[in-house]
Amino acid sequence: MGYQYMSEAISKQSVSEELNALIEVDFDAIAAYQAAIKRLDSDALKSKFREFLRDHERHVSQLSAAVIELGDEQSHRDWIVAKLKTME
């Protein structure tokens, strides 16, 4: 799946950086939903929040694949590992 750029001025590196910023937002959302689920009493709300959490996990997966396709695999993997360590 190739990506087309609106302008030659947009580099793969800048696109990769923007995608990583979006991934970070999704990681923050995942952490927030995980914390909320632990505090909820309602099974119905927990189920809905888990659904939202899975959406954000899917976003991370898809955006990560795009970053890797742009050729930034190693630095992206290093960044993901570091981010996951901060979530522990």
Foldseek 3Di string as FASTA:
>chain_A
DDDDDPDPVDALVNVLVVLVVVLVVLLVLLLVLVVVLVVDPDPVVNVVSVVVNVVSVVSNVVSLVVNVVSVNNPVSVVVVVVSVVVSD
